[in-house]
Amino acid sequence: MGLIKESQQKQLKKLFEQLDNDVKLICFTQENECQYCSETRQLVEDVAALSDKISLEVYDFAADTEEVEKYKIDKIPATVIEGKKDYGIRFYGIPAGYEFTSLIDAIVSVSKDESGLSEETKSALSQLKEPVNIQVYITLTCPYCPKAVEMAHKISMESDLVTSAMVDASEFPHLTQKYSVMSVPKMIINEDIQFEGALPEEEFVENVMKVLES
């Protein structure tokens, strides 16, 4: 039985008719070791089945070391959204609940090869000189979290130096404790810059650009 309701499948099929370029979903799993790996695999399989423009590749986290290193995957379940190139968009944990919208948004954005960010933001991000890693800690029941995840992913699309990941706080409690995640969404940038809340684009980017001061 699929994880996507029939009514939702119809809506997504119609939405995916507007996809411009092919999108590849890359799922890293290890079903005997990971609590939500099988569900994550099922979910991305269901999504990929809704459009000829969406393909799926599945790799074993333990066995497929070459792909794990290529995409720099350090925990599972993990999903990469790849288009014309790898934009650095990652989902760690099952992108279900409210975060299902983040998954669909990433697919559409990658297909269009356009972040949709303002010219001011694009200009600011062009000043980055060193790699930037954005982690967005969420819970699947948080209605404000997708906005933060989608903003991080759009920033990642705009700059080759940026990678961004949704991280389900409930699936990775050791990281939740490490970064003192008390409320969500919480952003961790390059380990040392932290902020909370679904901030508007300008404020979100201001926090990202603090890496230039670090």
C-alpha atoms as a PDB file:
ATOM      1  CA  MET A   1       0.000   0.000   0.000  1.00  0.00           C
ATOM      2  CA  GLY A   2       1.381   3.396  -0.979  1.00  0.00           C
ATOM      3  CA  LEU A   3       1.968   6.194   1.496  1.00  0.00           C
ATOM      4  CA  ILE A   4       0.363   8.901  -0.655  1.00  0.00           C
ATOM      5  CA  LYS A   5      -3.429   9.180  -0.708  1.00  0.00           C
ATOM      6  CA  GLU A   6      -5.141   8.771  -4.071  1.00  0.00           C
ATOM      7  CA  SER A   7      -6.520  12.305  -4.011  1.00  0.00           C
ATOM      8  CA  GLN A   8      -3.044  13.661  -3.307  1.00  0.00           C
ATOM      9  CA  GLN A   9      -1.570  11.530  -6.085  1.00  0.00           C
ATOM     10  CA  LYS A  10      -3.898  13.193  -8.580  1.00  0.00           C
ATOM     11  CA  GLN A  11      -2.869  16.656  -7.388  1.00  0.00           C
ATOM     12  CA  LEU A  12       0.817  15.796  -7.606  1.00  0.00           C
ATOM     13  CA  LYS A  13       0.505  14.279 -11.078  1.00  0.00           C
ATOM     14  CA  LYS A  14      -1.048  17.520 -12.274  1.00  0.00           C
ATOM     15  CA  LEU A  15       1.672  19.570 -10.571  1.00  0.00           C
ATOM     16  CA  PHE A  16       4.437  17.411 -12.020  1.00  0.00           C
ATOM     17  CA  GLU A  17       3.123  18.008 -15.540  1.00  0.00           C
ATOM     18  CA  GLN A  18       4.774  21.424 -15.173  1.00  0.00           C
ATOM     19  CA  LEU A  19       8.251  20.016 -14.457  1.00  0.00           C
ATOM     20  CA  ASP A  20      10.806  21.382 -16.914  1.00  0.00           C
ATOM     21  CA  ASN A  21      13.857  19.166 -16.485  1.00  0.00           C
ATOM     22  CA  ASP A  22      14.395  15.647 -15.183  1.00  0.00           C
ATOM     23  CA  VAL A  23      14.837  15.187 -11.435  1.00  0.00           C
ATOM     24  CA  LYS A  24      16.613  12.293  -9.744  1.00  0.00           C
ATOM     25  CA  LEU A  25      15.734  11.194  -6.211  1.00  0.00           C
ATOM     26  CA  ILE A  26      18.640   9.377  -4.568  1.00  0.00           C
ATOM     27  CA  CYS A  27      17.768   7.424  -1.460  1.00  0.00           C
ATOM     28  CA  PHE A  28      20.332   6.060   0.994  1.00  0.00           C
ATOM     29  CA  THR A  29      19.003   3.340   3.229  1.00  0.00           C
ATOM     30  CA  GLN A  30      19.892   0.259   5.239  1.00  0.00           C
ATOM     31  CA  GLU A  31      16.576  -1.253   6.060  1.00  0.00           C
ATOM     32  CA  ASN A  32      17.723  -3.681   8.755  1.00  0.00           C
ATOM     33  CA  GLU A  33      19.501  -0.935  10.690  1.00  0.00           C
ATOM     34  CA  CYS A  34      17.360   2.178  10.329  1.00  0.00           C
ATOM     35  CA  GLN A  35      13.984   2.806  11.939  1.00  0.00           C
ATOM     36  CA  TYR A  36      12.463   4.870   9.110  1.00  0.00           C
ATOM     37  CA  CYS A  37      14.510   3.658   6.152  1.00  0.00           C
ATOM     38  CA  SER A  38      11.867   1.393   4.648  1.00  0.00           C
ATOM     39  CA  GLU A  39       9.167   4.069   4.970  1.00  0.00           C
ATOM     40  CA  THR A  40      11.439   6.677   3.402  1.00  0.00           C
ATOM     41  CA  ARG A  41      12.222   4.387   0.501  1.00  0.00           C
ATOM     42  CA  GLN A  42       8.518   3.660   0.007  1.00  0.00           C
ATOM     43  CA  LEU A  43       7.674   7.359   0.046  1.00  0.00           C
ATOM     44  CA  VAL A  44      10.222   8.371  -2.583  1.00  0.00           C
ATOM     45  CA  GLU A  45       9.243   5.367  -4.692  1.00  0.00           C
ATOM     46  CA  ASP A  46       5.636   6.557  -4.584  1.00  0.00           C
ATOM     47  CA  VAL A  47       6.654  10.091  -5.579  1.00  0.00           C
ATOM     48  CA  ALA A  48       8.888   8.943  -8.426  1.00  0.00           C
ATOM     49  CA  ALA A  49       6.045   6.836  -9.815  1.00  0.00           C
ATOM     50  CA  LEU A  50       3.935   9.944 -10.367  1.00  0.00           C
ATOM     51  CA  SER A  51       6.008  11.420 -13.215  1.00  0.00           C
ATOM     52  CA  ASP A  52       8.208  10.218 -16.064  1.00  0.00           C
ATOM     53  CA  LYS A  53      10.473  13.170 -15.294  1.00  0.00           C
ATOM     54  CA  ILE A  54      11.284  11.835 -11.811  1.00  0.00           C
ATOM     55  CA  SER A  55      13.649   8.879 -11.414  1.00  0.00           C
ATOM     56  CA  LEU A  56      14.860   7.063  -8.338  1.00  0.00           C
ATOM     57  CA  GLU A  57      18.149   5.476  -7.324  1.00  0.00           C
ATOM     58  CA  VAL A  58      18.503   3.566  -4.055  1.00  0.00           C
ATOM     59  CA  TYR A  59      21.828   2.834  -2.370  1.00  0.00           C
ATOM     60  CA  ASP A  60      22.828   0.869   0.703  1.00  0.00           C
ATOM     61  CA  PHE A  61      24.587   3.064   3.250  1.00  0.00           C
ATOM     62  CA  ALA A  62      26.996   0.303   4.258  1.00  0.00           C
ATOM     63  CA  ALA A  63      27.676  -1.337   0.911  1.00  0.00           C
ATOM     64  CA  ASP A  64      27.619   1.497  -1.631  1.00  0.00           C
ATOM     65  CA  THR A  65      30.572   3.400  -0.208  1.00  0.00           C
ATOM     66  CA  GLU A  66      31.459   5.139  -3.473  1.00  0.00           C
ATOM     67  CA  GLU A  67      28.051   6.812  -3.712  1.00  0.00           C
ATOM     68  CA  VAL A  68      28.016   7.577   0.021  1.00  0.00           C
ATOM     69  CA  GLU A  69      31.337   9.411  -0.335  1.00  0.00           C
ATOM     70  CA  LYS A  70      30.294  11.120  -3.554  1.00  0.00           C
ATOM     71  CA  TYR A  71      27.222  12.670  -1.929  1.00  0.00           C
ATOM     72  CA  LYS A  72      28.864  13.035   1.502  1.00  0.00           C
ATOM     73  CA  ILE A  73      26.079  11.162   3.282  1.00  0.00           C
ATOM     74  CA  ASP A  74      26.758  10.718   7.004  1.00  0.00           C
ATOM     75  CA  LYS A  75      23.445   9.363   8.341  1.00  0.00           C
ATOM     76  CA  ILE A  76      20.303   7.607   7.164  1.00  0.00           C
ATOM     77  CA  PRO A  77      17.668   7.651   5.919  1.00  0.00           C
ATOM     78  CA  ALA A  78      18.937  10.258   3.471  1.00  0.00           C
ATOM     79  CA  THR A  79      17.423  11.624   0.282  1.00  0.00           C
ATOM     80  CA  VAL A  80      19.224  13.732  -2.320  1.00  0.00           C
ATOM     81  CA  ILE A  81      17.300  15.811  -4.872  1.00  0.00           C
ATOM     82  CA  GLU A  82      19.405  16.132  -8.010  1.00  0.00           C
ATOM     83  CA  GLY A  83      18.639  17.929 -11.266  1.00  0.00           C
ATOM     84  CA  LYS A  84      21.037  19.209 -13.893  1.00  0.00           C
ATOM     85  CA  LYS A  85      23.596  18.923 -11.095  1.00  0.00           C
ATOM     86  CA  ASP A  86      23.814  18.161  -7.394  1.00  0.00           C
ATOM     87  CA  TYR A  87      22.611  21.359  -5.706  1.00  0.00           C
ATOM     88  CA  GLY A  88      23.527  20.134  -2.236  1.00  0.00           C
ATOM     89  CA  ILE A  89      19.896  19.523  -1.230  1.00  0.00           C
ATOM     90  CA  ARG A  90      19.521  16.818   1.400  1.00  0.00           C
ATOM     91  CA  PHE A  91      16.788  15.346   3.579  1.00  0.00           C
ATOM     92  CA  TYR A  92      17.912  13.379   6.644  1.00  0.00           C
ATOM     93  CA  GLY A  93      14.919  11.535   8.010  1.00  0.00           C
ATOM     94  CA  ILE A  94      11.638  10.771   6.328  1.00  0.00           C
ATOM     95  CA  PRO A  95      10.235  13.869   4.549  1.00  0.00           C
ATOM     96  CA  ALA A  96       6.687  13.173   5.691  1.00  0.00           C
ATOM     97  CA  GLY A  97       4.127  15.176   7.643  1.00  0.00           C
ATOM     98  CA  TYR A  98       4.518  18.881   6.994  1.00  0.00           C
ATOM     99  CA  GLU A  99       7.915  18.209   5.424  1.00  0.00           C
ATOM    100  CA  PHE A 100       6.322  16.399   2.499  1.00  0.00           C
ATOM    101  CA  THR A 101       5.671  19.876   1.081  1.00  0.00           C
ATOM    102  CA  SER A 102       9.415  20.615   1.360  1.00  0.00           C
ATOM    103  CA  LEU A 103      10.177  17.512  -0.673  1.00  0.00           C
ATOM    104  CA  ILE A 104       7.735  18.508  -3.408  1.00  0.00           C
ATOM    105  CA  ASP A 105       9.010  22.109  -3.390  1.00  0.00           C
ATOM    106  CA  ALA A 106      12.595  20.873  -3.826  1.00  0.00           C
ATOM    107  CA  ILE A 107      11.594  18.676  -6.767  1.00  0.00           C
ATOM    108  CA  VAL A 108       9.819  21.545  -8.526  1.00  0.00           C
ATOM    109  CA  SER A 109      12.607  24.055  -7.866  1.00  0.00           C
ATOM    110  CA  VAL A 110      15.326  21.667  -9.047  1.00  0.00           C
ATOM    111  CA  SER A 111      13.328  20.860 -12.172  1.00  0.00           C
ATOM    112  CA  LYS A 112      13.061  24.545 -13.003  1.00  0.00           C
ATOM    113  CA  ASP A 113      16.765  25.088 -12.201  1.00  0.00           C
ATOM    114  CA  GLU A 114      15.806  28.343 -10.498  1.00  0.00           C
ATOM    115  CA  SER A 115      15.920  29.245  -6.807  1.00  0.00           C
ATOM    116  CA  GLY A 116      13.385  32.051  -7.033  1.00  0.00           C
ATOM    117  CA  LEU A 117      15.431  34.163  -4.610  1.00  0.00           C
ATOM    118  CA  SER A 118      15.686  37.935  -4.942  1.00  0.00           C
ATOM    119  CA  GLU A 119      18.470  39.637  -6.873  1.00  0.00           C
ATOM    120  CA  GLU A 120      19.720  41.109  -3.585  1.00  0.00           C
ATOM    121  CA  THR A 121      20.057  37.632  -2.108  1.00  0.00           C
ATOM    122  CA  LYS A 122      21.793  36.294  -5.211  1.00  0.00           C
ATOM    123  CA  SER A 123      24.254  39.188  -5.075  1.00  0.00           C
ATOM    124  CA  ALA A 124      24.981  38.563  -1.388  1.00  0.00           C
ATOM    125  CA  LEU A 125      25.532  34.842  -1.871  1.00  0.00           C
ATOM    126  CA  SER A 126      27.982  35.519  -4.691  1.00  0.00           C
ATOM    127  CA  GLN A 127      30.329  36.943  -2.026  1.00  0.00           C
ATOM    128  CA  LEU A 128      30.774  33.557  -0.349  1.00  0.00           C
ATOM    129  CA  LYS A 129      34.316  32.211  -0.620  1.00  0.00           C
ATOM    130  CA  GLU A 130      34.244  29.112   1.599  1.00  0.00           C
ATOM    131  CA  PRO A 131      31.881  26.123   1.903  1.00  0.00           C
ATOM    132  CA  VAL A 132      28.721  26.685   3.918  1.00  0.00           C
ATOM    133  CA  ASN A 133      26.680  23.871   5.468  1.00  0.00           C
ATOM    134  CA  ILE A 134      23.152  24.637   6.656  1.00  0.00           C
ATOM    135  CA  GLN A 135      21.342  22.145   8.879  1.00  0.00           C
ATOM    136  CA  VAL A 136      17.653  22.797   9.530  1.00  0.00           C
ATOM    137  CA  TYR A 137      16.354  20.840  12.513  1.00  0.00           C
ATOM    138  CA  ILE A 138      12.634  20.155  12.297  1.00  0.00           C
ATOM    139  CA  THR A 139       9.843  17.939  13.548  1.00  0.00           C
ATOM    140  CA  LEU A 140       7.284  16.496  11.187  1.00  0.00           C
ATOM    141  CA  THR A 141       4.439  18.107  13.150  1.00  0.00           C
ATOM    142  CA  CYS A 142       5.856  21.654  12.922  1.00  0.00           C
ATOM    143  CA  PRO A 143       3.840  23.795  10.460  1.00  0.00           C
ATOM    144  CA  TYR A 144       6.524  26.525  10.370  1.00  0.00           C
ATOM    145  CA  CYS A 145       9.471  24.263   9.609  1.00  0.00           C
ATOM    146  CA  PRO A 146       8.915  23.749   5.859  1.00  0.00           C
ATOM    147  CA  LYS A 147       9.407  27.465   5.233  1.00  0.00           C
ATOM    148  CA  ALA A 148      12.871  27.292   6.812  1.00  0.00           C
ATOM    149  CA  VAL A 149      13.783  24.063   5.004  1.00  0.00           C
ATOM    150  CA  GLU A 150      12.669  25.442   1.647  1.00  0.00           C
ATOM    151  CA  MET A 151      14.635  28.668   2.178  1.00  0.00           C
ATOM    152  CA  ALA A 152      17.796  26.739   3.019  1.00  0.00           C
ATOM    153  CA  HIS A 153      17.367  24.557  -0.056  1.00  0.00           C
ATOM    154  CA  LYS A 154      16.846  27.579  -2.320  1.00  0.00           C
ATOM    155  CA  ILE A 155      20.037  29.139  -0.950  1.00  0.00           C
ATOM    156  CA  SER A 156      21.820  25.882  -1.673  1.00  0.00           C
ATOM    157  CA  MET A 157      20.531  25.988  -5.243  1.00  0.00           C
ATOM    158  CA  GLU A 158      21.862  29.498  -5.708  1.00  0.00           C
ATOM    159  CA  SER A 159      25.426  28.858  -4.537  1.00  0.00           C
ATOM    160  CA  ASP A 160      27.686  25.939  -5.343  1.00  0.00           C
ATOM    161  CA  LEU A 161      29.408  26.566  -2.015  1.00  0.00           C
ATOM    162  CA  VAL A 162      26.264  25.883   0.022  1.00  0.00           C
ATOM    163  CA  THR A 163      24.805  22.552   1.055  1.00  0.00           C
ATOM    164  CA  SER A 164      21.576  22.399   3.033  1.00  0.00           C
ATOM    165  CA  ALA A 165      19.752  19.636   4.825  1.00  0.00           C
ATOM    166  CA  MET A 166      16.504  19.018   6.613  1.00  0.00           C
ATOM    167  CA  VAL A 167      17.273  17.001   9.753  1.00  0.00           C
ATOM    168  CA  ASP A 168      14.425  15.388  11.673  1.00  0.00           C
ATOM    169  CA  ALA A 169      15.205  16.134  15.308  1.00  0.00           C
ATOM    170  CA  SER A 170      13.252  13.103  16.544  1.00  0.00           C
ATOM    171  CA  GLU A 171      15.171  10.659  14.319  1.00  0.00           C
ATOM    172  CA  PHE A 172      18.627  11.868  15.339  1.00  0.00           C
ATOM    173  CA  PRO A 173      18.446  12.525  19.099  1.00  0.00           C
ATOM    174  CA  HIS A 174      22.250  12.545  19.494  1.00  0.00           C
ATOM    175  CA  LEU A 175      22.426  15.558  17.155  1.00  0.00           C
ATOM    176  CA  THR A 176      19.457  17.205  18.833  1.00  0.00           C
ATOM    177  CA  GLN A 177      21.349  16.979  22.106  1.00  0.00           C
ATOM    178  CA  LYS A 178      24.641  18.075  20.552  1.00  0.00           C
ATOM    179  CA  TYR A 179      23.131  21.291  19.157  1.00  0.00           C
ATOM    180  CA  SER A 180      20.751  21.884  22.077  1.00  0.00           C
ATOM    181  CA  VAL A 181      17.684  21.853  19.854  1.00  0.00           C
ATOM    182  CA  MET A 182      14.917  22.981  22.201  1.00  0.00           C
ATOM    183  CA  SER A 183      12.560  24.418  19.593  1.00  0.00           C
ATOM    184  CA  VAL A 184      12.183  24.120  15.833  1.00  0.00           C
ATOM    185  CA  PRO A 185      12.993  25.115  13.234  1.00  0.00           C
ATOM    186  CA  LYS A 186      16.578  25.584  14.370  1.00  0.00           C
ATOM    187  CA  MET A 187      19.370  26.351  11.929  1.00  0.00           C
ATOM    188  CA  ILE A 188      23.005  25.370  12.429  1.00  0.00           C
ATOM    189  CA  ILE A 189      25.447  26.938   9.967  1.00  0.00           C
ATOM    190  CA  ASN A 190      29.007  25.606   9.836  1.00  0.00           C
ATOM    191  CA  GLU A 191      28.624  24.355  13.421  1.00  0.00           C
ATOM    192  CA  ASP A 192      29.026  27.764  15.080  1.00  0.00           C
ATOM    193  CA  ILE A 193      26.205  30.008  13.771  1.00  0.00           C
ATOM    194  CA  GLN A 194      22.776  29.210  15.175  1.00  0.00           C
ATOM    195  CA  PHE A 195      19.340  30.794  14.958  1.00  0.00           C
ATOM    196  CA  GLU A 196      15.724  29.753  15.309  1.00  0.00           C
ATOM    197  CA  GLY A 197      12.430  30.425  13.574  1.00  0.00           C
ATOM    198  CA  ALA A 198      11.100  30.574  10.033  1.00  0.00           C
ATOM    199  CA  LEU A 199      12.725  33.899   9.193  1.00  0.00           C
ATOM    200  CA  PRO A 200      11.987  35.956   6.072  1.00  0.00           C
ATOM    201  CA  GLU A 201      14.464  35.599   3.203  1.00  0.00           C
ATOM    202  CA  GLU A 202      16.459  38.734   4.013  1.00  0.00           C
ATOM    203  CA  GLU A 203      16.981  37.832   7.692  1.00  0.00           C
ATOM    204  CA  PHE A 204      17.762  34.212   6.893  1.00  0.00           C
ATOM    205  CA  VAL A 205      20.430  35.255   4.398  1.00  0.00           C
ATOM    206  CA  GLU A 206      21.891  37.790   6.841  1.00  0.00           C
ATOM    207  CA  ASN A 207      22.557  34.895   9.216  1.00  0.00           C
ATOM    208  CA  VAL A 208      24.125  32.832   6.427  1.00  0.00           C
ATOM    209  CA  MET A 209      26.424  35.694   5.503  1.00  0.00           C
ATOM    210  CA  LYS A 210      27.804  35.782   9.055  1.00  0.00           C
ATOM    211  CA  VAL A 211      30.179  33.059   7.860  1.00  0.00           C
ATOM    212  CA  LEU A 212      32.215  35.868   6.301  1.00  0.00           C
ATOM    213  CA  GLU A 213      32.832  37.210   9.805  1.00  0.00           C
ATOM    214  CA  SER A 214      33.787  33.833  11.270  1.00  0.00           C
END
